Amino acid sequence: MKVSADVVKILDDMKKLEEEAEKLGKKLGGKERQVRVIYETVLKSPDLGMVKPRIMYQAARHKELQELANYVSALVDEVRKRGSPGSEEFESSREMLLNFLEAVVAYARYYEKFRG
């Protein structure tokens, strides 16, 4: 699965972030609760430690989350490349990662309720 090219764009461009979040949210309609678990995992980890193993565990339990888990894993790697926890670049990138996940949760909820 190709996510690496989009990763930098997601962390730097709000429009791209929203587009990718909507695509994933649409696919994950009905899985809002599981997506929220991934969001909360990132939210509760200020240094992003143990995030990747925890989201991969969720993906193993819910196969539909595999694509999202791959995105988040690549995003975590990119955030870590940008600086160490506490640095301005790290914190800014982590905030964009959280925005992305929050948007995926919102779109998953939307598409669960309003499937056409």
C-alpha atoms as a PDB file:
ATOM      1  CA  MET A   1       0.000   0.000   0.000  1.00  0.00           C
ATOM      2  CA  LYS A   2       1.358   3.403  -0.969  1.00  0.00           C
ATOM      3  CA  VAL A   3       1.119   5.901   1.855  1.00  0.00           C
ATOM      4  CA  SER A   4       4.596   7.382   2.091  1.00  0.00           C
ATOM      5  CA  ALA A   5       4.121  10.027  -0.623  1.00  0.00           C
ATOM      6  CA  ASP A   6       0.930  11.271   1.008  1.00  0.00           C
ATOM      7  CA  VAL A   7       2.280  11.287   4.545  1.00  0.00           C
ATOM      8  CA  VAL A   8       4.217  14.526   4.259  1.00  0.00           C
ATOM      9  CA  LYS A   9       1.289  16.192   2.507  1.00  0.00           C
ATOM     10  CA  ILE A  10      -1.138  15.102   5.234  1.00  0.00           C
ATOM     11  CA  LEU A  11       1.062  16.637   7.920  1.00  0.00           C
ATOM     12  CA  ASP A  12       1.617  19.862   5.973  1.00  0.00           C
ATOM     13  CA  ASP A  13      -1.618  20.526   4.069  1.00  0.00           C
ATOM     14  CA  MET A  14      -5.003  20.703   5.781  1.00  0.00           C
ATOM     15  CA  LYS A  15      -6.866  20.174   2.483  1.00  0.00           C
ATOM     16  CA  LYS A  16      -4.950  16.952   1.793  1.00  0.00           C
ATOM     17  CA  LEU A  17      -5.489  15.881   5.402  1.00  0.00           C
ATOM     18  CA  GLU A  18      -9.255  16.331   5.051  1.00  0.00           C
ATOM     19  CA  GLU A  19      -9.387  14.537   1.683  1.00  0.00           C
ATOM     20  CA  GLU A  20      -7.492  11.495   2.941  1.00  0.00           C
ATOM     21  CA  ALA A  21      -9.472  11.436   6.186  1.00  0.00           C
ATOM     22  CA  GLU A  22     -12.741  11.447   4.248  1.00  0.00           C
ATOM     23  CA  LYS A  23     -11.607   8.588   1.986  1.00  0.00           C
ATOM     24  CA  LEU A  24     -10.652   6.473   4.986  1.00  0.00           C
ATOM     25  CA  GLY A  25     -13.702   7.512   7.009  1.00  0.00           C
ATOM     26  CA  LYS A  26     -15.993   6.510   4.175  1.00  0.00           C
ATOM     27  CA  LYS A  27     -14.414   3.054   4.059  1.00  0.00           C
ATOM     28  CA  LEU A  28     -14.644   2.760   7.846  1.00  0.00           C
ATOM     29  CA  GLY A  29     -18.269   3.799   8.272  1.00  0.00           C
ATOM     30  CA  GLY A  30     -19.623   1.604  11.033  1.00  0.00           C
ATOM     31  CA  LYS A  31     -16.193   1.264  12.664  1.00  0.00           C
ATOM     32  CA  GLU A  32     -16.192   4.609  14.441  1.00  0.00           C
ATOM     33  CA  ARG A  33     -15.617   3.044  17.847  1.00  0.00           C
ATOM     34  CA  GLN A  34     -12.515   1.167  16.661  1.00  0.00           C
ATOM     35  CA  VAL A  35     -11.153   4.258  14.888  1.00  0.00           C
ATOM     36  CA  ARG A  36     -11.710   6.231  18.081  1.00  0.00           C
ATOM     37  CA  VAL A  37      -9.536   3.710  19.965  1.00  0.00           C
ATOM     38  CA  ILE A  38      -6.674   4.456  17.561  1.00  0.00           C
ATOM     39  CA  TYR A  39      -7.250   8.205  17.967  1.00  0.00           C
ATOM     40  CA  GLU A  40      -7.211   7.884  21.765  1.00  0.00           C
ATOM     41  CA  THR A  41      -4.033   5.796  21.616  1.00  0.00           C
ATOM     42  CA  VAL A  42      -2.229   8.637  19.839  1.00  0.00           C
ATOM     43  CA  LEU A  43      -3.856  11.288  22.022  1.00  0.00           C
ATOM     44  CA  LYS A  44      -2.664   9.604  25.234  1.00  0.00           C
ATOM     45  CA  SER A  45       0.926   9.243  24.027  1.00  0.00           C
ATOM     46  CA  PRO A  46       2.711  12.612  24.073  1.00  0.00           C
ATOM     47  CA  ASP A  47       5.953  11.063  22.781  1.00  0.00           C
ATOM     48  CA  LEU A  48       4.187   8.569  20.442  1.00  0.00           C
ATOM     49  CA  GLY A  49       5.841   5.692  22.295  1.00  0.00           C
ATOM     50  CA  MET A  50       4.188   2.300  21.800  1.00  0.00           C
ATOM     51  CA  VAL A  51       1.643   3.790  19.394  1.00  0.00           C
ATOM     52  CA  LYS A  52       2.590   1.595  16.447  1.00  0.00           C
ATOM     53  CA  PRO A  53       2.340  -1.742  18.296  1.00  0.00           C
ATOM     54  CA  ARG A  54      -0.972  -0.720  19.854  1.00  0.00           C
ATOM     55  CA  ILE A  55      -2.556   0.276  16.558  1.00  0.00           C
ATOM     56  CA  MET A  56      -1.264  -2.859  14.860  1.00  0.00           C
ATOM     57  CA  TYR A  57      -2.931  -4.848  17.621  1.00  0.00           C
ATOM     58  CA  GLN A  58      -6.206  -3.067  16.844  1.00  0.00           C
ATOM     59  CA  ALA A  59      -5.749  -3.807  13.141  1.00  0.00           C
ATOM     60  CA  ALA A  60      -5.192  -7.501  13.936  1.00  0.00           C
ATOM     61  CA  ARG A  61      -8.466  -7.529  15.877  1.00  0.00           C
ATOM     62  CA  HIS A  62     -10.379  -5.589  13.211  1.00  0.00           C
ATOM     63  CA  LYS A  63      -9.081  -6.293   9.698  1.00  0.00           C
ATOM     64  CA  GLU A  64     -10.946  -3.280   8.297  1.00  0.00           C
ATOM     65  CA  LEU A  65      -8.510  -1.038  10.182  1.00  0.00           C
ATOM     66  CA  GLN A  66      -5.411  -2.282   8.351  1.00  0.00           C
ATOM     67  CA  GLU A  67      -5.270   0.606   5.875  1.00  0.00           C
ATOM     68  CA  LEU A  68      -5.743   3.190   8.640  1.00  0.00           C
ATOM     69  CA  ALA A  69      -3.110   1.449  10.781  1.00  0.00           C
ATOM     70  CA  ASN A  70      -0.644   1.650   7.877  1.00  0.00           C
ATOM     71  CA  TYR A  71      -1.362   5.370   7.448  1.00  0.00           C
ATOM     72  CA  VAL A  72      -0.973   6.088  11.136  1.00  0.00           C
ATOM     73  CA  SER A  73       2.215   4.047  11.343  1.00  0.00           C
ATOM     74  CA  ALA A  74       3.728   6.012   8.455  1.00  0.00           C
ATOM     75  CA  LEU A  75       2.529   9.294   9.981  1.00  0.00           C
ATOM     76  CA  VAL A  76       4.097   8.419  13.340  1.00  0.00           C
ATOM     77  CA  ASP A  77       7.390   7.683  11.583  1.00  0.00           C
ATOM     78  CA  GLU A  78       7.239  11.034   9.802  1.00  0.00           C
ATOM     79  CA  VAL A  79       6.409  12.950  12.996  1.00  0.00           C
ATOM     80  CA  ARG A  80       9.367  11.311  14.741  1.00  0.00           C
ATOM     81  CA  LYS A  81      11.663  12.272  11.854  1.00  0.00           C
ATOM     82  CA  ARG A  82      10.684  15.908  12.250  1.00  0.00           C
ATOM     83  CA  GLY A  83      11.969  16.295  15.782  1.00  0.00           C
ATOM     84  CA  SER A  84      12.046  14.990  19.293  1.00  0.00           C
ATOM     85  CA  PRO A  85       9.102  15.180  21.689  1.00  0.00           C
ATOM     86  CA  GLY A  86       8.743  18.705  22.996  1.00  0.00           C
ATOM     87  CA  SER A  87      10.252  20.360  19.931  1.00  0.00           C
ATOM     88  CA  GLU A  88       8.041  22.767  18.015  1.00  0.00           C
ATOM     89  CA  GLU A  89       8.197  20.719  14.801  1.00  0.00           C
ATOM     90  CA  PHE A  90       7.323  17.470  16.595  1.00  0.00           C
ATOM     91  CA  GLU A  91       4.406  19.034  18.459  1.00  0.00           C
ATOM     92  CA  SER A  92       3.046  20.737  15.351  1.00  0.00           C
ATOM     93  CA  SER A  93       3.250  17.505  13.339  1.00  0.00           C
ATOM     94  CA  ARG A  94       1.707  15.490  16.172  1.00  0.00           C
ATOM     95  CA  GLU A  95      -1.178  17.969  16.265  1.00  0.00           C
ATOM     96  CA  MET A  96      -1.768  17.428  12.530  1.00  0.00           C
ATOM     97  CA  LEU A  97      -1.737  13.659  13.124  1.00  0.00           C
ATOM     98  CA  LEU A  98      -4.383  14.119  15.819  1.00  0.00           C
ATOM     99  CA  ASN A  99      -6.412  16.345  13.481  1.00  0.00           C
ATOM    100  CA  PHE A 100      -6.233  13.635  10.821  1.00  0.00           C
ATOM    101  CA  LEU A 101      -7.476  10.959  13.200  1.00  0.00           C
ATOM    102  CA  GLU A 102     -10.202  13.201  14.581  1.00  0.00           C
ATOM    103  CA  ALA A 103     -11.384  13.806  11.011  1.00  0.00           C
ATOM    104  CA  VAL A 104     -11.367  10.069  10.231  1.00  0.00           C
ATOM    105  CA  VAL A 105     -13.511   9.461  13.331  1.00  0.00           C
ATOM    106  CA  ALA A 106     -15.927  12.192  12.249  1.00  0.00           C
ATOM    107  CA  TYR A 107     -16.213  10.895   8.690  1.00  0.00           C
ATOM    108  CA  ALA A 108     -16.621   7.296   9.870  1.00  0.00           C
ATOM    109  CA  ARG A 109     -19.512   8.460  12.030  1.00  0.00           C
ATOM    110  CA  TYR A 110     -20.995  10.515   9.205  1.00  0.00           C
ATOM    111  CA  TYR A 111     -20.855   7.705   6.670  1.00  0.00           C
ATOM    112  CA  GLU A 112     -22.235   5.234   9.190  1.00  0.00           C
ATOM    113  CA  LYS A 113     -25.308   7.428   9.711  1.00  0.00           C
ATOM    114  CA  PHE A 114     -25.836   8.659   6.151  1.00  0.00           C
ATOM    115  CA  ARG A 115     -24.969   5.818   3.816  1.00  0.00           C
ATOM    116  CA  GLY A 116     -26.610   6.312   0.479  1.00  0.00           C
END
